[in-house]
Protein backbone atom coordinates (compact mmCIF):
# COMPACT_ATOMS: atom_id res chain seq x y z
CA MET A 1 6.77 -5.42 -31.54
CA ALA A 2 7.59 -4.47 -27.96
CA ALA A 3 8.31 -7.32 -25.58
CA THR A 4 5.63 -8.09 -23.02
CA SER A 5 6.67 -7.00 -19.55
CA ARG A 6 6.74 -9.86 -17.08
CA LYS A 7 8.29 -8.18 -14.02
CA HIS A 8 5.26 -6.55 -12.40
CA HIS A 9 6.02 -4.25 -9.45
CA TYR A 10 3.34 -3.88 -6.80
CA LEU A 11 5.27 -0.85 -5.47
CA PRO A 12 6.62 1.66 -8.02
CA VAL A 13 10.37 1.83 -8.48
CA SER A 14 10.17 5.63 -8.20
CA TYR A 15 8.47 5.32 -4.81
CA LEU A 16 11.02 2.86 -3.40
CA ALA A 17 13.82 5.18 -4.52
CA GLY A 18 12.68 7.57 -1.79
CA PHE A 19 13.93 5.10 0.82
CA THR A 20 17.50 5.00 -0.51
CA GLU A 21 20.28 7.32 0.66
CA SER A 22 20.25 9.45 -2.48
CA GLY A 23 16.65 9.06 -3.61
CA ASP A 24 17.86 7.62 -6.92
CA VAL A 25 16.36 4.50 -8.53
CA ASP A 26 19.87 3.12 -9.06
CA ASP A 27 20.89 3.51 -5.43
CA PHE A 28 20.64 0.74 -2.83
CA LEU A 29 18.22 0.26 0.04
CA PHE A 30 18.10 -2.49 2.65
CA VAL A 31 15.51 -5.25 2.41
CA PHE A 32 14.41 -6.91 5.65
CA ASP A 33 13.04 -10.37 4.89
CA LEU A 34 10.76 -11.08 7.85
CA GLU A 35 10.21 -14.68 6.77
CA LYS A 36 13.88 -15.58 6.46
CA ARG A 37 14.81 -13.06 9.19
CA GLU A 38 17.67 -11.66 7.20
CA VAL A 39 18.75 -8.29 5.80
CA ARG A 40 20.21 -7.77 2.34
CA PRO A 41 20.92 -4.81 0.03
CA GLY A 42 18.79 -4.33 -3.07
CA LYS A 43 17.91 -1.74 -5.69
CA PRO A 44 14.34 -0.46 -6.20
CA ARG A 45 14.17 -2.22 -9.58
CA THR A 46 15.02 -5.61 -8.05
CA VAL A 47 12.46 -5.71 -5.21
CA ALA A 48 8.69 -5.51 -4.67
CA TYR A 49 7.66 -7.36 -7.81
CA GLU A 50 6.27 -10.72 -8.90
CA THR A 51 6.56 -12.33 -12.30
CA ASP A 52 3.32 -12.07 -14.31
CA LEU A 53 1.44 -10.77 -11.27
CA ASN A 54 -1.05 -8.83 -13.42
CA ARG A 55 -0.91 -10.93 -16.58
CA LEU A 56 -4.16 -11.45 -18.49
CA ASP A 57 -4.54 -14.43 -20.83
CA MET A 58 -7.63 -13.58 -22.82
CA PRO A 59 -8.25 -13.58 -26.60
CA GLY A 60 -7.74 -10.14 -28.13
CA VAL A 61 -6.22 -8.65 -24.97
CA ALA A 62 -2.55 -7.77 -24.50
CA PRO A 63 -1.17 -9.86 -21.61
CA ASP A 64 0.20 -6.74 -19.93
CA LEU A 65 -2.87 -4.54 -20.49
CA PHE A 66 -3.56 -4.49 -16.75
CA GLU A 67 0.06 -3.72 -15.87
CA HIS A 68 0.65 -1.02 -18.49
CA GLY A 69 -2.86 0.08 -19.31
CA VAL A 70 -3.93 0.75 -15.73
CA TRP A 71 -1.16 0.75 -13.14
CA ALA A 72 1.62 2.29 -15.23
CA LYS A 73 -0.63 5.22 -16.15
CA ALA A 74 -1.63 5.72 -12.53
CA GLU A 75 1.99 5.56 -11.38
CA SER A 76 3.04 8.19 -13.93
CA LEU A 77 0.56 10.61 -12.36
CA VAL A 78 1.56 10.06 -8.73
CA ALA A 79 5.35 9.78 -9.17
CA PRO A 80 5.95 13.56 -9.49
CA VAL A 81 3.64 14.19 -6.52
CA ILE A 82 5.58 11.79 -4.29
CA ALA A 83 8.89 13.28 -5.42
CA ARG A 84 7.73 16.84 -4.79
CA VAL A 85 6.34 16.13 -1.31
CA ALA A 86 9.49 14.21 -0.37
CA ARG A 87 11.70 17.04 -1.63
CA GLU A 88 9.77 20.03 -0.23
CA ARG A 89 8.50 18.28 2.92
CA ASP A 90 5.18 20.03 2.50
CA PHE A 91 1.94 19.22 0.71
CA SER A 92 -1.04 20.91 -0.92
CA ALA A 93 -4.64 19.71 -1.36
CA GLY A 94 -3.72 18.59 -4.86
CA ASP A 95 -0.73 16.68 -3.56
CA LEU A 96 -2.91 14.99 -0.97
CA ASN A 97 -5.32 13.75 -3.64
CA GLY A 98 -2.43 12.14 -5.49
CA LEU A 99 -0.95 10.62 -2.34
CA LEU A 100 -4.28 9.11 -1.25
CA ASN A 101 -4.75 7.60 -4.69
CA PHE A 102 -1.32 6.06 -4.33
CA ALA A 103 -2.13 4.80 -0.81
CA ALA A 104 -5.30 3.10 -2.05
CA MET A 105 -3.42 1.68 -5.02
CA ALA A 106 -0.59 0.35 -2.86
CA ALA A 107 -3.02 -1.31 -0.42
CA ALA A 108 -5.09 -2.87 -3.20
CA ARG A 109 -2.10 -4.26 -5.09
CA VAL A 110 -0.65 -6.36 -2.27
CA PRO A 111 -0.47 -9.78 -3.98
CA ARG A 112 -1.63 -11.82 -0.98
CA LEU A 113 -4.75 -9.71 -0.52
CA GLN A 114 -6.12 -9.95 -4.04
CA SER A 115 -7.19 -13.59 -3.73
CA ALA A 116 -9.61 -12.89 -0.89
CA PHE A 117 -11.31 -9.71 -2.08
CA PRO A 118 -14.94 -10.06 -0.90
CA LEU A 119 -13.87 -11.19 2.56
CA LEU A 120 -11.14 -8.55 2.60
CA VAL A 121 -13.56 -5.71 1.95
CA GLU A 122 -15.65 -6.69 4.92
CA GLN A 123 -12.82 -7.48 7.34
CA VAL A 124 -10.38 -4.68 6.50
CA THR A 125 -12.62 -1.82 5.43
CA GLY A 126 -15.63 -2.70 7.59
CA LEU A 127 -17.96 -2.66 4.56
CA SER A 128 -19.78 -5.55 2.93
CA LEU A 129 -19.30 -6.05 -0.81
CA PRO A 130 -22.67 -4.46 -1.75
CA GLU A 131 -21.88 -1.40 0.40
CA GLY A 132 -18.37 -1.17 -0.96
CA VAL A 133 -19.49 -1.00 -4.60
CA ARG A 134 -22.59 1.16 -4.15
CA ASP A 135 -21.29 4.26 -5.93
CA PRO A 136 -21.81 3.98 -9.74
CA LYS A 137 -18.75 6.17 -10.36
CA GLN A 138 -16.58 3.33 -9.08
CA TRP A 139 -17.49 1.31 -12.17
CA GLU A 140 -16.30 3.79 -14.80
CA LEU A 141 -12.78 2.39 -15.06
CA ILE A 142 -13.96 -1.22 -15.09
CA LEU A 143 -16.53 -0.60 -17.80
CA LYS A 144 -14.02 1.36 -19.87
CA TRP A 145 -11.51 -1.48 -19.61
CA SER A 146 -14.23 -4.01 -20.49
CA ALA A 147 -15.08 -2.05 -23.62
CA GLU A 148 -11.41 -1.86 -24.67
CA ALA A 149 -11.13 -5.61 -24.19
CA GLU A 150 -14.35 -6.05 -26.20
CA ILE A 151 -15.99 -7.88 -23.33
CA GLY A 152 -19.02 -5.62 -23.39
CA TRP A 153 -20.17 -6.34 -19.86
CA SER A 154 -22.77 -4.12 -18.25
CA ASP A 155 -22.62 -2.71 -14.73
CA LYS A 156 -25.01 -5.43 -13.57
CA GLU A 157 -23.00 -8.19 -15.21
CA VAL A 158 -19.74 -7.05 -13.64
CA ARG A 159 -21.37 -6.93 -10.20
CA GLY A 160 -22.66 -10.46 -10.74
CA PHE A 161 -19.24 -11.59 -11.90
CA LEU A 162 -17.61 -10.37 -8.71
CA ALA A 163 -20.19 -12.07 -6.52
CA ASP A 164 -20.29 -15.43 -8.34
CA PRO A 165 -17.71 -17.95 -7.02
CA ARG A 166 -17.96 -19.92 -10.27
CA CYS A 167 -16.73 -16.92 -12.28
CA GLN A 168 -13.96 -16.35 -9.78
CA SER A 169 -12.74 -19.92 -10.28
CA ALA A 170 -13.12 -19.96 -14.06
CA HIS A 171 -11.54 -16.56 -14.72
CA PRO A 172 -9.16 -15.85 -11.82
CA GLN A 173 -7.05 -13.27 -13.69
CA VAL A 174 -10.01 -11.18 -14.84
CA TRP A 175 -11.65 -11.46 -11.45
CA ARG A 176 -8.44 -10.30 -9.78
CA PHE A 177 -8.36 -7.26 -12.05
CA PHE A 178 -11.93 -6.31 -11.18
CA SER A 179 -11.47 -6.95 -7.47
CA THR A 180 -8.27 -4.91 -7.28
CA VAL A 181 -9.86 -1.91 -8.98
CA MET A 182 -12.88 -2.17 -6.68
CA LEU A 183 -10.74 -2.41 -3.55
CA HIS A 184 -8.81 0.68 -4.65
CA ASP A 185 -12.04 2.65 -4.97
CA VAL A 186 -13.40 1.50 -1.62
CA LEU A 187 -10.19 2.34 0.20
CA LEU A 188 -9.81 5.70 -1.52
CA ARG A 189 -13.22 6.80 -0.28
CA LEU A 190 -12.43 5.75 3.29
CA LEU A 191 -9.00 7.39 3.23
CA ALA A 192 -10.42 10.66 1.87
CA GLU A 193 -12.73 10.97 4.89
CA ARG A 194 -9.78 11.58 7.20
CA ALA A 195 -7.82 14.71 8.09
CA TRP A 196 -4.20 14.19 7.11
CA SER A 197 -0.95 15.49 8.54
CA LEU A 198 2.51 15.27 7.04
CA TYR A 199 5.09 14.06 9.56
CA VAL A 200 8.64 15.28 8.92
CA ALA A 201 11.46 13.27 10.49
CA PRO A 202 13.87 15.28 12.69
CA ASP A 203 17.07 14.38 10.82
CA ASP A 204 18.77 11.65 8.80
CA GLN A 205 19.40 9.56 11.90
CA TYR A 206 15.66 8.99 12.29
CA HIS A 207 14.01 7.89 9.07
CA PHE A 208 10.76 6.28 7.99
CA ILE A 209 10.68 2.79 6.50
CA SER A 210 8.30 1.19 4.01
CA SER A 211 7.07 -2.36 3.40
CA ASP A 212 5.36 -4.60 0.87
CA ASN A 213 2.07 -3.43 2.41
CA PRO A 214 2.92 0.20 3.29
CA VAL A 215 -0.44 1.55 4.49
CA GLY A 216 -0.48 1.11 8.27
CA ILE A 217 -3.60 1.14 10.45
CA LEU A 218 -3.87 0.99 14.23
CA HIS A 219 -6.50 1.55 16.92
CA SER A 220 -5.88 4.73 18.91
CA PRO A 221 -5.72 4.17 21.79
CA PRO A 222 -4.76 0.51 21.36
CA GLU A 223 -7.54 -1.94 22.19
CA VAL A 224 -7.15 -4.67 24.77
CA PRO A 225 -7.52 -7.41 23.75
CA ALA A 226 -6.11 -6.36 20.39
CA ARG A 227 -8.18 -7.03 17.28
CA THR A 228 -7.65 -6.23 13.63
CA PRO A 229 -8.53 -2.57 12.97
CA GLN A 230 -10.73 -1.57 10.04
CA PHE A 231 -10.36 1.50 7.82
CA GLN A 232 -13.96 2.51 8.46
CA GLU A 233 -13.56 2.78 12.24
CA ARG A 234 -13.28 6.31 13.60
CA ASN A 235 -10.79 5.44 16.34
CA THR A 236 -8.10 4.30 13.91
CA VAL A 237 -4.93 6.03 12.76
CA VAL A 238 -3.70 5.37 9.21
CA THR A 239 -0.14 5.96 8.02
CA LEU A 240 1.67 6.01 4.69
CA PRO A 241 5.46 6.44 4.53
CA VAL A 242 6.04 8.73 1.54
CA SER A 243 9.83 8.70 1.69
CA ARG A 244 12.50 8.25 4.34
CA HIS A 245 11.97 11.89 5.30
CA VAL A 246 8.16 12.20 5.43
CA ALA A 247 5.03 10.18 6.16
CA LEU A 248 1.29 10.83 5.97
CA VAL A 249 -0.79 10.29 9.11
CA GLY A 250 -4.60 10.36 8.95
CA ARG A 251 -7.27 10.59 11.67
CA TYR A 252 -10.98 11.27 11.61
CA GLU A 253 -10.41 14.14 14.02
CA GLY A 254 -7.87 16.90 13.47
CA GLU A 255 -6.64 19.39 10.91
CA TYR A 256 -4.40 19.32 7.88
CA SER A 257 -0.89 20.20 9.03
CA VAL A 258 2.83 19.71 8.60
CA VAL A 259 4.42 18.47 11.83
CA HIS A 260 8.13 18.21 12.59
CA VAL A 261 8.07 15.17 14.86
CA ASN A 262 10.35 13.66 17.49
CA PRO A 263 12.09 10.26 17.23
CA ARG A 264 9.27 8.52 19.12
CA ALA A 265 6.72 9.58 16.49
CA VAL A 266 8.98 8.18 13.77
CA ALA A 267 9.27 4.96 15.78
CA ARG A 268 5.47 4.75 16.08
CA VAL A 269 4.92 5.17 12.33
CA ASN A 270 7.61 2.57 11.63
CA PHE A 271 5.91 0.20 14.08
CA MET A 272 2.63 0.60 12.17
CA THR A 273 4.44 -0.11 8.90
CA LEU A 274 5.98 -3.22 10.45
CA GLU A 275 2.65 -4.41 11.83
CA ARG A 276 1.05 -4.42 8.36
CA ALA A 277 4.00 -5.86 6.43
CA TRP A 278 3.47 -9.24 4.81
CA ARG A 279 7.10 -10.20 4.41
CA PHE A 280 9.42 -7.34 3.42
CA LEU A 281 10.53 -4.04 4.94
CA TYR A 282 12.48 -1.46 2.92
CA ALA A 283 14.79 0.99 4.68
CA ARG A 284 17.58 3.47 4.02
CA SER A 285 19.94 1.60 6.37
CA LYS A 286 20.15 -1.50 8.54
CA GLU A 287 19.29 0.61 11.57
CA PHE A 288 15.94 2.32 12.14
CA VAL A 289 13.86 3.26 15.16
CA CYS A 290 10.70 1.32 15.97
CA LEU A 291 8.48 0.87 19.02
CA ARG A 292 9.08 -2.38 20.83
CA ALA A 293 5.96 -4.56 20.74
CA GLU A 294 6.54 -5.95 24.21
CA ASP A 295 6.73 -2.68 26.18
CA GLY A 296 6.07 0.24 23.82
CA GLY A 297 9.54 1.69 24.29
CA VAL A 298 11.63 3.09 21.46
CA GLY A 299 13.82 0.34 20.05
CA ASN A 300 15.59 -0.31 16.78
CA SER A 301 15.72 -2.80 13.95
CA ALA A 302 17.69 -5.25 16.07
CA ASP A 303 14.77 -5.32 18.53
CA VAL A 304 12.42 -6.03 15.64
CA LEU A 305 14.40 -9.05 14.47
CA ALA A 306 14.79 -10.28 18.05
CA HIS A 307 11.01 -10.03 18.54
CA LEU A 308 10.46 -12.05 15.37
CA ARG A 309 12.81 -14.77 16.57
CA GLN A 310 11.05 -14.96 19.91
CA ASN A 311 7.63 -15.18 18.27
CA ASP A 312 8.49 -17.75 15.60
CA GLY A 313 8.50 -15.25 12.74
CA SER A 314 5.17 -13.60 13.55
CA VAL A 315 5.22 -9.88 12.81
CA GLY A 316 2.28 -8.69 14.89
């Protein structure tokens, strides 16, 4: 009998490999710990995971059904897409579908977000829970999983489960599974409404970074006073670093394109990645370009850490 996996990555190892020097899963990248304000080397296999993050303790259900029955299958489909786009620095409509599925998956799997799903849907996406789960197609995966687990819940029962705080308290693992799948579907629909461009970094000196919450979102132009942007708002820009060489940028207005950008554009995308990070940044080297929060100028990773020190560890 195969051992039950307990190291559950919320970012795929194959994805993180794209932020190493060689693009290999056994190569090193640099991990910026924004809480401890330190930088250390690490391999893709040794970062971006939590023990038993997706474990399910239910009779008749494999503990790692969620991890291997849902996420592992999804990752196997998007891994070759990410690798191809990173290698060719170009993308097709089919590639974009895979990348947006990955973006929604990455945003939904952030461990700290899963515990506040109903509030998260409204605050981050701009949709209430009933609006977010309106489309019956969004329930296909949940109902299929329920049948495999011999739960036998109907569409109506699953909706009630998500909305009932008593169920959330009594069955936190199952509720987290449902809420994560629902958040993925909501975000995917909102991401698909945008026109996406692929930004290509000018050279190896200027590279994109990633984080433990890699989908960035920012008002454009920035609002004063600043407030948390929502995916549903039409004046927002959304970013996803695909590898150290390329990043996706989505707007409600525009056309699909491949753009070879200047260092400032790389710095802006990196700033958006930093703004959304919970704790960790992942980068090819200890040095990367990033906009300075205080004046909007192009700075570097040293400026980032200095800003954190000045603001008592606060990222944004």
